[in-house]
N, C-alpha and C. Protein backbone atom coordinates (compact mmCIF):
# COMPACT_ATOMS: atom_id res chain seq x y z
N MET A 1 -37.02 63.69 -4.84
CA MET A 1 -36.34 62.79 -5.75
C MET A 1 -35.53 61.78 -4.94
N THR A 2 -35.75 60.52 -5.16
CA THR A 2 -35.06 59.45 -4.45
C THR A 2 -33.83 59.02 -5.26
N THR A 3 -32.70 58.90 -4.56
CA THR A 3 -31.48 58.44 -5.22
C THR A 3 -31.27 56.98 -4.89
N THR A 4 -31.14 56.16 -5.91
CA THR A 4 -30.89 54.75 -5.71
C THR A 4 -29.40 54.54 -5.50
N ARG A 5 -29.04 53.74 -4.50
CA ARG A 5 -27.64 53.51 -4.18
C ARG A 5 -27.28 52.06 -4.48
N THR A 6 -26.04 51.87 -4.92
CA THR A 6 -25.51 50.55 -5.21
C THR A 6 -24.35 50.29 -4.25
N THR A 7 -24.32 49.10 -3.63
CA THR A 7 -23.22 48.74 -2.74
C THR A 7 -22.24 47.85 -3.50
N ILE A 8 -20.96 48.25 -3.46
CA ILE A 8 -19.89 47.51 -4.12
C ILE A 8 -18.69 47.40 -3.18
N ARG A 9 -17.76 46.54 -3.54
CA ARG A 9 -16.49 46.48 -2.81
C ARG A 9 -15.65 47.68 -3.23
N MET A 10 -14.91 48.24 -2.30
CA MET A 10 -14.15 49.44 -2.59
C MET A 10 -13.07 49.21 -3.65
N ASP A 11 -12.55 47.99 -3.77
CA ASP A 11 -11.51 47.72 -4.78
C ASP A 11 -12.06 47.77 -6.20
N THR A 12 -13.39 47.79 -6.36
CA THR A 12 -13.99 47.86 -7.70
C THR A 12 -14.45 49.28 -8.06
N LEU A 13 -14.25 50.22 -7.16
CA LEU A 13 -14.61 51.61 -7.42
C LEU A 13 -13.79 52.12 -8.60
N ARG A 14 -14.42 52.85 -9.48
CA ARG A 14 -13.71 53.37 -10.65
C ARG A 14 -12.96 54.64 -10.30
N ARG A 15 -11.84 54.84 -10.97
CA ARG A 15 -10.98 55.99 -10.71
C ARG A 15 -11.75 57.30 -10.88
N GLY A 16 -11.60 58.19 -9.91
CA GLY A 16 -12.26 59.48 -9.95
C GLY A 16 -13.67 59.48 -9.40
N LYS A 17 -14.20 58.31 -9.06
CA LYS A 17 -15.57 58.22 -8.52
C LYS A 17 -15.53 58.28 -7.00
N THR A 18 -16.55 58.87 -6.42
CA THR A 18 -16.67 58.93 -4.97
C THR A 18 -17.79 58.03 -4.49
N ALA A 19 -17.67 57.61 -3.25
CA ALA A 19 -18.69 56.76 -2.63
C ALA A 19 -18.61 56.97 -1.12
N ARG A 20 -19.56 56.38 -0.41
CA ARG A 20 -19.57 56.45 1.05
C ARG A 20 -19.40 55.05 1.62
N VAL A 21 -18.61 54.95 2.68
CA VAL A 21 -18.39 53.67 3.33
C VAL A 21 -19.72 53.18 3.90
N ALA A 22 -20.09 51.94 3.53
CA ALA A 22 -21.35 51.35 3.99
C ALA A 22 -21.12 50.31 5.08
N GLY A 23 -19.92 49.78 5.17
CA GLY A 23 -19.62 48.73 6.15
C GLY A 23 -18.44 47.91 5.69
N PHE A 24 -18.36 46.69 6.21
CA PHE A 24 -17.24 45.82 5.91
C PHE A 24 -17.75 44.44 5.54
N GLY A 25 -17.06 43.79 4.61
CA GLY A 25 -17.42 42.45 4.19
C GLY A 25 -16.85 41.40 5.12
N GLU A 26 -17.05 40.15 4.74
CA GLU A 26 -16.52 39.03 5.51
C GLU A 26 -15.00 38.98 5.31
N GLY A 27 -14.29 38.79 6.39
CA GLY A 27 -12.84 38.72 6.29
C GLY A 27 -12.20 38.69 7.65
N ASP A 28 -10.89 38.83 7.66
CA ASP A 28 -10.09 38.81 8.87
C ASP A 28 -10.52 39.93 9.82
N PRO A 29 -11.04 39.59 10.99
CA PRO A 29 -11.51 40.61 11.93
C PRO A 29 -10.39 41.56 12.37
N GLN A 30 -9.16 41.06 12.45
CA GLN A 30 -8.05 41.92 12.85
C GLN A 30 -7.75 42.95 11.77
N LEU A 31 -7.84 42.55 10.50
CA LEU A 31 -7.61 43.49 9.40
C LEU A 31 -8.72 44.53 9.34
N ILE A 32 -9.95 44.10 9.57
CA ILE A 32 -11.08 45.04 9.60
C ILE A 32 -10.89 46.04 10.74
N ALA A 33 -10.42 45.57 11.90
CA ALA A 33 -10.15 46.46 13.03
C ALA A 33 -9.07 47.48 12.66
N LYS A 34 -8.04 47.03 11.94
CA LYS A 34 -6.97 47.96 11.52
C LYS A 34 -7.49 48.99 10.54
N LEU A 35 -8.37 48.57 9.62
CA LEU A 35 -8.97 49.53 8.69
C LEU A 35 -9.78 50.58 9.44
N ARG A 36 -10.50 50.15 10.46
CA ARG A 36 -11.25 51.10 11.30
C ARG A 36 -10.29 52.05 12.03
N GLU A 37 -9.17 51.51 12.53
CA GLU A 37 -8.19 52.34 13.23
C GLU A 37 -7.59 53.40 12.31
N VAL A 38 -7.38 53.04 11.05
CA VAL A 38 -6.83 53.97 10.07
C VAL A 38 -7.82 55.09 9.79
N GLY A 39 -9.11 54.81 9.96
CA GLY A 39 -10.10 55.86 9.79
C GLY A 39 -11.32 55.52 8.98
N PHE A 40 -11.41 54.30 8.46
CA PHE A 40 -12.59 53.91 7.68
C PHE A 40 -13.76 53.70 8.63
N ALA A 41 -14.83 54.47 8.42
CA ALA A 41 -16.04 54.36 9.23
C ALA A 41 -17.25 54.58 8.35
N GLU A 42 -18.35 54.00 8.72
CA GLU A 42 -19.58 54.12 7.96
C GLU A 42 -19.92 55.59 7.75
N GLY A 43 -20.27 55.93 6.51
CA GLY A 43 -20.66 57.30 6.18
C GLY A 43 -19.52 58.16 5.66
N ASP A 44 -18.26 57.74 5.83
CA ASP A 44 -17.13 58.52 5.34
C ASP A 44 -17.06 58.47 3.82
N GLU A 45 -16.63 59.57 3.22
CA GLU A 45 -16.51 59.64 1.77
C GLU A 45 -15.14 59.14 1.33
N VAL A 46 -15.13 58.31 0.27
CA VAL A 46 -13.88 57.82 -0.31
C VAL A 46 -13.89 58.08 -1.82
N GLU A 47 -12.70 58.24 -2.37
CA GLU A 47 -12.54 58.42 -3.82
C GLU A 47 -11.30 57.65 -4.24
N LEU A 48 -11.41 56.89 -5.33
CA LEU A 48 -10.23 56.21 -5.86
C LEU A 48 -9.44 57.23 -6.68
N LEU A 49 -8.21 57.51 -6.23
CA LEU A 49 -7.37 58.49 -6.90
C LEU A 49 -6.52 57.86 -8.00
N ALA A 50 -5.94 56.69 -7.71
CA ALA A 50 -5.03 56.08 -8.69
C ALA A 50 -4.83 54.61 -8.39
N LYS A 51 -4.40 53.89 -9.42
CA LYS A 51 -4.00 52.49 -9.29
C LYS A 51 -2.52 52.41 -9.65
N GLY A 52 -1.78 51.56 -8.94
CA GLY A 52 -0.37 51.38 -9.25
C GLY A 52 -0.18 50.86 -10.65
N TRP A 53 0.93 51.18 -11.27
CA TRP A 53 1.18 50.79 -12.66
C TRP A 53 1.55 49.32 -12.80
N LEU A 54 1.96 48.67 -11.73
CA LEU A 54 2.37 47.27 -11.79
C LEU A 54 1.24 46.39 -11.25
N GLY A 55 0.35 45.95 -12.12
CA GLY A 55 -0.76 45.09 -11.71
C GLY A 55 -1.88 45.82 -10.99
N GLY A 56 -1.90 47.14 -11.06
CA GLY A 56 -2.96 47.91 -10.42
C GLY A 56 -2.85 47.97 -8.91
N VAL A 57 -1.64 47.73 -8.39
CA VAL A 57 -1.44 47.74 -6.95
C VAL A 57 -0.30 48.71 -6.62
N PRO A 58 -0.37 49.49 -5.59
CA PRO A 58 -1.47 49.63 -4.64
C PRO A 58 -2.58 50.52 -5.21
N LEU A 59 -3.67 50.56 -4.48
CA LEU A 59 -4.78 51.45 -4.81
C LEU A 59 -4.66 52.67 -3.90
N SER A 60 -4.75 53.84 -4.46
CA SER A 60 -4.64 55.07 -3.68
C SER A 60 -6.03 55.69 -3.54
N PHE A 61 -6.44 55.90 -2.29
CA PHE A 61 -7.76 56.45 -2.00
C PHE A 61 -7.64 57.75 -1.23
N ARG A 62 -8.63 58.62 -1.44
CA ARG A 62 -8.81 59.76 -0.56
C ARG A 62 -9.92 59.38 0.40
N LEU A 63 -9.61 59.40 1.67
CA LEU A 63 -10.59 59.11 2.72
C LEU A 63 -10.78 60.40 3.49
N ASN A 64 -11.94 61.02 3.30
CA ASN A 64 -12.19 62.36 3.82
C ASN A 64 -11.09 63.28 3.27
N ARG A 65 -10.14 63.73 4.06
CA ARG A 65 -9.08 64.60 3.54
C ARG A 65 -7.70 63.95 3.65
N THR A 66 -7.65 62.63 3.74
CA THR A 66 -6.39 61.91 3.89
C THR A 66 -6.20 60.96 2.71
N MET A 67 -4.96 60.84 2.23
CA MET A 67 -4.66 59.86 1.18
C MET A 67 -4.14 58.59 1.83
N ILE A 68 -4.68 57.44 1.37
CA ILE A 68 -4.32 56.14 1.92
C ILE A 68 -4.09 55.17 0.76
N ALA A 69 -3.02 54.39 0.85
CA ALA A 69 -2.74 53.35 -0.15
C ALA A 69 -3.05 51.99 0.47
N LEU A 70 -3.78 51.15 -0.26
CA LEU A 70 -4.16 49.82 0.23
C LEU A 70 -3.89 48.78 -0.85
N ARG A 71 -3.69 47.55 -0.39
CA ARG A 71 -3.65 46.41 -1.31
C ARG A 71 -5.09 46.12 -1.75
N LYS A 72 -5.24 45.41 -2.88
CA LYS A 72 -6.59 45.09 -3.36
C LYS A 72 -7.37 44.28 -2.34
N ALA A 73 -6.71 43.31 -1.69
CA ALA A 73 -7.40 42.47 -0.71
C ALA A 73 -7.91 43.29 0.48
N GLU A 74 -7.15 44.30 0.87
CA GLU A 74 -7.58 45.17 1.97
C GLU A 74 -8.77 46.02 1.54
N ALA A 75 -8.67 46.61 0.35
CA ALA A 75 -9.75 47.46 -0.16
C ALA A 75 -11.02 46.66 -0.40
N ALA A 76 -10.88 45.37 -0.73
CA ALA A 76 -12.05 44.52 -1.00
C ALA A 76 -12.89 44.30 0.25
N LEU A 77 -12.32 44.48 1.43
CA LEU A 77 -13.08 44.29 2.67
C LEU A 77 -14.03 45.45 2.97
N VAL A 78 -13.76 46.60 2.37
CA VAL A 78 -14.57 47.79 2.62
C VAL A 78 -15.71 47.84 1.60
N LEU A 79 -16.93 47.92 2.09
CA LEU A 79 -18.11 48.03 1.22
C LEU A 79 -18.50 49.50 1.14
N VAL A 80 -18.75 49.97 -0.09
CA VAL A 80 -19.11 51.37 -0.28
C VAL A 80 -20.40 51.48 -1.07
N GLU A 81 -21.10 52.57 -0.87
CA GLU A 81 -22.34 52.87 -1.60
C GLU A 81 -22.07 54.04 -2.51
N GLN A 82 -22.53 53.90 -3.74
CA GLN A 82 -22.46 55.03 -4.67
C GLN A 82 -23.83 55.19 -5.32
N SER A 83 -24.14 56.41 -5.69
CA SER A 83 -25.41 56.62 -6.36
C SER A 83 -25.34 56.03 -7.76
N ARG A 84 -26.46 55.72 -8.34
CA ARG A 84 -26.50 55.14 -9.69
C ARG A 84 -25.82 56.07 -10.68
N GLU A 85 -25.95 57.40 -10.48
CA GLU A 85 -25.31 58.35 -11.39
C GLU A 85 -23.80 58.21 -11.30
N GLN A 86 -23.26 58.00 -10.08
CA GLN A 86 -21.83 57.85 -9.88
C GLN A 86 -21.31 56.57 -10.50
N ALA A 87 -22.13 55.54 -10.53
CA ALA A 87 -21.70 54.22 -11.03
C ALA A 87 -21.45 54.25 -12.53
N LYS A 88 -22.03 55.20 -13.24
CA LYS A 88 -21.89 55.26 -14.70
C LYS A 88 -20.57 55.86 -15.11
């Protein structure tokens, strides 16, 4: 059975859904380097845990076994893959 995967920006991931880091979008190379330093790497599992109550910021993610809070612009640089079943 083949699973079809969809690539989206991490800031659009729905709460409670998991995905795998697929890479990084176009943006500030220094910010992308910092995201890598924090631990974002291709193949890592992420889950959106919560959105802040004031404008949906910050976004709280579980990255492997660590909780990380990011601004929307930072999360938008991370591209993630989710299965079609997860996207629903």
